[in-house]
Amino acid sequence: MAKKKSRPPLSAIATASRSEASEAVYFARKCGLTPDEALWMMRQAQRRQGVRLGETGTAERRARRSAP
């Protein structure tokens, strides 16, 4: 009996929201990247800037508290 082949892991594009995935595909096509690479770059840029997606889907700056 043959062993079952393991399934490849899902790409990051499959786990992204629809708007994020379409933006990554557009960016990838424009810059000559794979959609996974483009999505990774977009997420890294968001982390570095401290941006998060709000409930409306627009980028919002995180409120940074100053030390008292």
PDB file of N, CA and C in Angstrom:
ATOM      1  N   MET A   1       0.829  -1.172   0.000  1.00  0.00           N
ATOM      2  CA  MET A   1       0.000   0.000   0.000  1.00  0.00           C
ATOM      3  C   MET A   1       0.882   1.248   0.000  1.00  0.00           C
ATOM      4  N   ALA A   2       0.541   2.190  -0.817  1.00  0.00           N
ATOM      5  CA  ALA A   2       1.329   3.414  -0.942  1.00  0.00           C
ATOM      6  C   ALA A   2       0.926   4.416   0.134  1.00  0.00           C
ATOM      7  N   LYS A   3       1.898   5.195   0.539  1.00  0.00           N
ATOM      8  CA  LYS A   3       1.618   6.244   1.523  1.00  0.00           C
ATOM      9  C   LYS A   3       0.895   7.395   0.849  1.00  0.00           C
ATOM     10  N   LYS A   4       0.081   8.095   1.623  1.00  0.00           N
ATOM     11  CA  LYS A   4      -0.589   9.285   1.101  1.00  0.00           C
ATOM     12  C   LYS A   4       0.434  10.399   0.941  1.00  0.00           C
ATOM     13  N   LYS A   5       0.323  11.115  -0.143  1.00  0.00           N
ATOM     14  CA  LYS A   5       1.203  12.264  -0.336  1.00  0.00           C
ATOM     15  C   LYS A   5       0.734  13.392   0.564  1.00  0.00           C
ATOM     16  N   SER A   6       1.684  14.041   1.189  1.00  0.00           N
ATOM     17  CA  SER A   6       1.309  15.170   2.037  1.00  0.00           C
ATOM     18  C   SER A   6       0.949  16.353   1.143  1.00  0.00           C
ATOM     19  N   ARG A   7      -0.020  17.102   1.582  1.00  0.00           N
ATOM     20  CA  ARG A   7      -0.447  18.272   0.817  1.00  0.00           C
ATOM     21  C   ARG A   7       0.526  19.414   1.050  1.00  0.00           C
ATOM     22  N   PRO A   8       0.790  20.175   0.004  1.00  0.00           N
ATOM     23  CA  PRO A   8       1.655  21.346   0.208  1.00  0.00           C
ATOM     24  C   PRO A   8       0.926  22.371   1.072  1.00  0.00           C
ATOM     25  N   PRO A   9       1.658  23.139   1.865  1.00  0.00           N
ATOM     26  CA  PRO A   9       0.999  24.144   2.712  1.00  0.00           C
ATOM     27  C   PRO A   9       0.306  25.202   1.854  1.00  0.00           C
ATOM     28  N   LEU A  10      -0.751  25.778   2.400  1.00  0.00           N
ATOM     29  CA  LEU A  10      -1.464  26.831   1.685  1.00  0.00           C
ATOM     30  C   LEU A  10      -0.559  28.042   1.512  1.00  0.00           C
ATOM     31  N   SER A  11      -0.704  28.701   0.411  1.00  0.00           N
ATOM     32  CA  SER A  11       0.083  29.912   0.198  1.00  0.00           C
ATOM     33  C   SER A  11      -0.475  31.028   1.070  1.00  0.00           C
ATOM     34  N   ALA A  12       0.310  32.040   1.261  1.00  0.00           N
ATOM     35  CA  ALA A  12      -0.130  33.183   2.067  1.00  0.00           C
ATOM     36  C   ALA A  12      -1.283  33.907   1.390  1.00  0.00           C
ATOM     37  N   ILE A  13      -1.329  33.853   0.072  1.00  0.00           N
ATOM     38  CA  ILE A  13      -2.410  34.503  -0.676  1.00  0.00           C
ATOM     39  C   ILE A  13      -3.749  33.884  -0.303  1.00  0.00           C
ATOM     40  N   ALA A  14      -3.788  32.584  -0.084  1.00  0.00           N
ATOM     41  CA  ALA A  14      -5.049  31.910   0.234  1.00  0.00           C
ATOM     42  C   ALA A  14      -5.598  32.354   1.585  1.00  0.00           C
ATOM     43  N   THR A  15      -4.735  32.783   2.492  1.00  0.00           N
ATOM     44  CA  THR A  15      -5.174  33.189   3.824  1.00  0.00           C
ATOM     45  C   THR A  15      -5.415  34.692   3.935  1.00  0.00           C
ATOM     46  N   ALA A  16      -5.155  35.436   2.873  1.00  0.00           N
ATOM     47  CA  ALA A  16      -5.325  36.893   2.902  1.00  0.00           C
ATOM     48  C   ALA A  16      -6.775  37.266   2.607  1.00  0.00           C
ATOM     49  N   SER A  17      -7.148  38.474   3.027  1.00  0.00           N
ATOM     50  CA  SER A  17      -8.482  38.967   2.696  1.00  0.00           C
ATOM     51  C   SER A  17      -8.553  39.215   1.190  1.00  0.00           C
ATOM     52  N   ARG A  18      -9.757  39.335   0.686  1.00  0.00           N
ATOM     53  CA  ARG A  18      -9.926  39.492  -0.761  1.00  0.00           C
ATOM     54  C   ARG A  18      -9.256  40.765  -1.278  1.00  0.00           C
ATOM     55  N   SER A  19      -9.427  41.869  -0.564  1.00  0.00           N
ATOM     56  CA  SER A  19      -8.828  43.130  -1.020  1.00  0.00           C
ATOM     57  C   SER A  19      -7.304  43.080  -0.930  1.00  0.00           C
ATOM     58  N   GLU A  20      -6.791  42.466   0.138  1.00  0.00           N
ATOM     59  CA  GLU A  20      -5.346  42.358   0.305  1.00  0.00           C
ATOM     60  C   GLU A  20      -4.752  41.453  -0.778  1.00  0.00           C
ATOM     61  N   ALA A  21      -5.445  40.379  -1.103  1.00  0.00           N
ATOM     62  CA  ALA A  21      -4.966  39.459  -2.129  1.00  0.00           C
ATOM     63  C   ALA A  21      -4.959  40.113  -3.505  1.00  0.00           C
ATOM     64  N   SER A  22      -6.023  40.850  -3.822  1.00  0.00           N
ATOM     65  CA  SER A  22      -6.067  41.486  -5.144  1.00  0.00           C
ATOM     66  C   SER A  22      -5.006  42.574  -5.269  1.00  0.00           C
ATOM     67  N   GLU A  23      -4.755  43.293  -4.181  1.00  0.00           N
ATOM     68  CA  GLU A  23      -3.700  44.312  -4.199  1.00  0.00           C
ATOM     69  C   GLU A  23      -2.332  43.661  -4.369  1.00  0.00           C
ATOM     70  N   ALA A  24      -2.120  42.522  -3.705  1.00  0.00           N
ATOM     71  CA  ALA A  24      -0.847  41.813  -3.818  1.00  0.00           C
ATOM     72  C   ALA A  24      -0.640  41.276  -5.232  1.00  0.00           C
ATOM     73  N   VAL A  25      -1.699  40.769  -5.847  1.00  0.00           N
ATOM     74  CA  VAL A  25      -1.597  40.252  -7.215  1.00  0.00           C
ATOM     75  C   VAL A  25      -1.257  41.386  -8.181  1.00  0.00           C
ATOM     76  N   TYR A  26      -1.913  42.534  -8.015  1.00  0.00           N
ATOM     77  CA  TYR A  26      -1.626  43.698  -8.866  1.00  0.00           C
ATOM     78  C   TYR A  26      -0.173  44.143  -8.690  1.00  0.00           C
ATOM     79  N   PHE A  27       0.263  44.273  -7.438  1.00  0.00           N
ATOM     80  CA  PHE A  27       1.624  44.709  -7.143  1.00  0.00           C
ATOM     81  C   PHE A  27       2.638  43.711  -7.694  1.00  0.00           C
ATOM     82  N   ALA A  28       2.344  42.418  -7.560  1.00  0.00           N
ATOM     83  CA  ALA A  28       3.249  41.379  -8.054  1.00  0.00           C
ATOM     84  C   ALA A  28       3.384  41.451  -9.566  1.00  0.00           C
ATOM     85  N   ARG A  29       2.271  41.622 -10.244  1.00  0.00           N
ATOM     86  CA  ARG A  29       2.288  41.705 -11.703  1.00  0.00           C
ATOM     87  C   ARG A  29       3.070  42.936 -12.164  1.00  0.00           C
ATOM     88  N   LYS A  30       2.879  44.039 -11.450  1.00  0.00           N
ATOM     89  CA  LYS A  30       3.527  45.297 -11.817  1.00  0.00           C
ATOM     90  C   LYS A  30       5.040  45.239 -11.596  1.00  0.00           C
ATOM     91  N   CYS A  31       5.472  44.544 -10.539  1.00  0.00           N
ATOM     92  CA  CYS A  31       6.886  44.538 -10.161  1.00  0.00           C
ATOM     93  C   CYS A  31       7.630  43.253 -10.534  1.00  0.00           C
ATOM     94  N   GLY A  32       6.940  42.295 -11.137  1.00  0.00           N
ATOM     95  CA  GLY A  32       7.603  41.060 -11.542  1.00  0.00           C
ATOM     96  C   GLY A  32       7.908  40.123 -10.388  1.00  0.00           C
ATOM     97  N   LEU A  33       7.017  40.071  -9.408  1.00  0.00           N
ATOM     98  CA  LEU A  33       7.173  39.194  -8.252  1.00  0.00           C
ATOM     99  C   LEU A  33       6.095  38.122  -8.279  1.00  0.00           C
ATOM    100  N   THR A  34       6.221  37.151  -7.380  1.00  0.00           N
ATOM    101  CA  THR A  34       5.121  36.217  -7.193  1.00  0.00           C
ATOM    102  C   THR A  34       4.125  36.877  -6.248  1.00  0.00           C
ATOM    103  N   PRO A  35       2.856  36.479  -6.289  1.00  0.00           N
ATOM    104  CA  PRO A  35       1.878  37.058  -5.364  1.00  0.00           C
ATOM    105  C   PRO A  35       2.253  36.852  -3.893  1.00  0.00           C
ATOM    106  N   ASP A  36       2.856  35.711  -3.564  1.00  0.00           N
ATOM    107  CA  ASP A  36       3.275  35.467  -2.178  1.00  0.00           C
ATOM    108  C   ASP A  36       4.360  36.448  -1.743  1.00  0.00           C
ATOM    109  N   GLU A  37       5.322  36.713  -2.626  1.00  0.00           N
ATOM    110  CA  GLU A  37       6.382  37.673  -2.302  1.00  0.00           C
ATOM    111  C   GLU A  37       5.815  39.077  -2.117  1.00  0.00           C
ATOM    112  N   ALA A  38       4.898  39.450  -2.984  1.00  0.00           N
ATOM    113  CA  ALA A  38       4.299  40.783  -2.885  1.00  0.00           C
ATOM    114  C   ALA A  38       3.510  40.931  -1.592  1.00  0.00           C
ATOM    115  N   LEU A  39       2.739  39.911  -1.228  1.00  0.00           N
ATOM    116  CA  LEU A  39       1.967  39.956   0.013  1.00  0.00           C
ATOM    117  C   LEU A  39       2.895  40.025   1.215  1.00  0.00           C
ATOM    118  N   TRP A  40       3.991  39.280   1.188  1.00  0.00           N
ATOM    119  CA  TRP A  40       4.957  39.310   2.283  1.00  0.00           C
ATOM    120  C   TRP A  40       5.543  40.712   2.426  1.00  0.00           C
ATOM    121  N   MET A  41       5.896  41.339   1.298  1.00  0.00           N
ATOM    122  CA  MET A  41       6.452  42.695   1.342  1.00  0.00           C
ATOM    123  C   MET A  41       5.440  43.696   1.885  1.00  0.00           C
ATOM    124  N   MET A  42       4.184  43.571   1.475  1.00  0.00           N
ATOM    125  CA  MET A  42       3.144  44.481   1.953  1.00  0.00           C
ATOM    126  C   MET A  42       2.952  44.338   3.458  1.00  0.00           C
ATOM    127  N   ARG A  43       2.935  43.112   3.949  1.00  0.00           N
ATOM    128  CA  ARG A  43       2.749  42.888   5.389  1.00  0.00           C
ATOM    129  C   ARG A  43       3.944  43.380   6.184  1.00  0.00           C
ATOM    130  N   GLN A  44       5.157  43.196   5.657  1.00  0.00           N
ATOM    131  CA  GLN A  44       6.350  43.703   6.334  1.00  0.00           C
ATOM    132  C   GLN A  44       6.309  45.223   6.425  1.00  0.00           C
ATOM    133  N   ALA A  45       5.897  45.883   5.364  1.00  0.00           N
ATOM    134  CA  ALA A  45       5.819  47.344   5.362  1.00  0.00           C
ATOM    135  C   ALA A  45       4.795  47.830   6.379  1.00  0.00           C
ATOM    136  N   GLN A  46       3.681  47.124   6.501  1.00  0.00           N
ATOM    137  CA  GLN A  46       2.666  47.506   7.484  1.00  0.00           C
ATOM    138  C   GLN A  46       3.198  47.355   8.899  1.00  0.00           C
ATOM    139  N   ARG A  47       3.938  46.280   9.149  1.00  0.00           N
ATOM    140  CA  ARG A  47       4.491  46.065  10.496  1.00  0.00           C
ATOM    141  C   ARG A  47       5.507  47.138  10.850  1.00  0.00           C
ATOM    142  N   ARG A  48       6.332  47.513   9.893  1.00  0.00           N
ATOM    143  CA  ARG A  48       7.365  48.520  10.159  1.00  0.00           C
ATOM    144  C   ARG A  48       6.776  49.894  10.418  1.00  0.00           C
ATOM    145  N   GLN A  49       5.687  50.217   9.759  1.00  0.00           N
ATOM    146  CA  GLN A  49       5.072  51.530   9.922  1.00  0.00           C
ATOM    147  C   GLN A  49       4.116  51.571  11.097  1.00  0.00           C
ATOM    148  N   GLY A  50       3.791  50.444  11.667  1.00  0.00           N
ATOM    149  CA  GLY A  50       2.840  50.422  12.770  1.00  0.00           C
ATOM    150  C   GLY A  50       1.427  50.653  12.296  1.00  0.00           C
ATOM    151  N   VAL A  51       1.112  50.190  11.100  1.00  0.00           N
ATOM    152  CA  VAL A  51      -0.221  50.375  10.531  1.00  0.00           C
ATOM    153  C   VAL A  51      -1.012  49.089  10.709  1.00  0.00           C
ATOM    154  N   ARG A  52      -2.275  49.234  11.029  1.00  0.00           N
ATOM    155  CA  ARG A  52      -3.143  48.061  11.100  1.00  0.00           C
ATOM    156  C   ARG A  52      -4.426  48.382  10.354  1.00  0.00           C
ATOM    157  N   LEU A  53      -5.108  47.346   9.915  1.00  0.00           N
ATOM    158  CA  LEU A  53      -6.360  47.562   9.213  1.00  0.00           C
ATOM    159  C   LEU A  53      -7.485  47.703  10.213  1.00  0.00           C
ATOM    160  N   GLY A  54      -8.292  48.723  10.048  1.00  0.00           N
ATOM    161  CA  GLY A  54      -9.435  48.947  10.917  1.00  0.00           C
ATOM    162  C   GLY A  54     -10.639  48.143  10.465  1.00  0.00           C
ATOM    163  N   GLU A  55     -11.744  48.340  11.136  1.00  0.00           N
ATOM    164  CA  GLU A  55     -12.952  47.602  10.798  1.00  0.00           C
ATOM    165  C   GLU A  55     -13.462  47.978   9.415  1.00  0.00           C
ATOM    166  N   THR A  56     -13.199  49.187   8.974  1.00  0.00           N
ATOM    167  CA  THR A  56     -13.681  49.623   7.664  1.00  0.00           C
ATOM    168  C   THR A  56     -12.750  49.201   6.548  1.00  0.00           C
ATOM    169  N   GLY A  57     -11.593  48.623   6.891  1.00  0.00           N
ATOM    170  CA  GLY A  57     -10.650  48.195   5.874  1.00  0.00           C
ATOM    171  C   GLY A  57      -9.643  49.266   5.492  1.00  0.00           C
ATOM    172  N   THR A  58      -9.689  50.412   6.140  1.00  0.00           N
ATOM    173  CA  THR A  58      -8.730  51.468   5.839  1.00  0.00           C
ATOM    174  C   THR A  58      -7.589  51.409   6.841  1.00  0.00           C
ATOM    175  N   ALA A  59      -6.450  51.851   6.410  1.00  0.00           N
ATOM    176  CA  ALA A  59      -5.283  51.827   7.289  1.00  0.00           C
ATOM    177  C   ALA A  59      -5.397  52.925   8.337  1.00  0.00           C
ATOM    178  N   GLU A  60      -5.100  52.566   9.551  1.00  0.00           N
ATOM    179  CA  GLU A  60      -5.133  53.532  10.648  1.00  0.00           C
ATOM    180  C   GLU A  60      -3.821  53.449  11.405  1.00  0.00           C
ATOM    181  N   ARG A  61      -3.330  54.577  11.826  1.00  0.00           N
ATOM    182  CA  ARG A  61      -2.114  54.600  12.640  1.00  0.00           C
ATOM    183  C   ARG A  61      -2.443  54.116  14.044  1.00  0.00           C
ATOM    184  N   ARG A  62      -1.551  53.342  14.571  1.00  0.00           N
ATOM    185  CA  ARG A  62      -1.737  52.914  15.953  1.00  0.00           C
ATOM    186  C   ARG A  62      -1.447  54.094  16.860  1.00  0.00           C
ATOM    187  N   ALA A  63      -2.264  54.235  17.858  1.00  0.00           N
ATOM    188  CA  ALA A  63      -2.048  55.322  18.818  1.00  0.00           C
ATOM    189  C   ALA A  63      -0.854  54.947  19.690  1.00  0.00           C
ATOM    190  N   ARG A  64       0.131  55.798  19.661  1.00  0.00           N
ATOM    191  CA  ARG A  64       1.325  55.530  20.471  1.00  0.00           C
ATOM    192  C   ARG A  64       1.269  56.391  21.720  1.00  0.00           C
ATOM    193  N   ARG A  65       1.354  55.726  22.824  1.00  0.00           N
ATOM    194  CA  ARG A  65       1.313  56.462  24.091  1.00  0.00           C
ATOM    195  C   ARG A  65       2.710  56.962  24.429  1.00  0.00           C
ATOM    196  N   SER A  66       2.775  58.179  24.879  1.00  0.00           N
ATOM    197  CA  SER A  66       4.059  58.710  25.326  1.00  0.00           C
ATOM    198  C   SER A  66       4.247  58.348  26.792  1.00  0.00           C
ATOM    199  N   ALA A  67       5.477  58.209  27.172  1.00  0.00           N
ATOM    200  CA  ALA A  67       5.779  57.840  28.558  1.00  0.00           C
ATOM    201  C   ALA A  67       5.438  59.005  29.484  1.00  0.00           C
ATOM    202  N   PRO A  68       4.794  58.732  30.615  1.00  0.00           N
ATOM    203  CA  PRO A  68       4.439  59.825  31.543  1.00  0.00           C
ATOM    204  C   PRO A  68       5.632  60.401  32.256  1.00  0.00           C
TER     205      PRO A  68
END
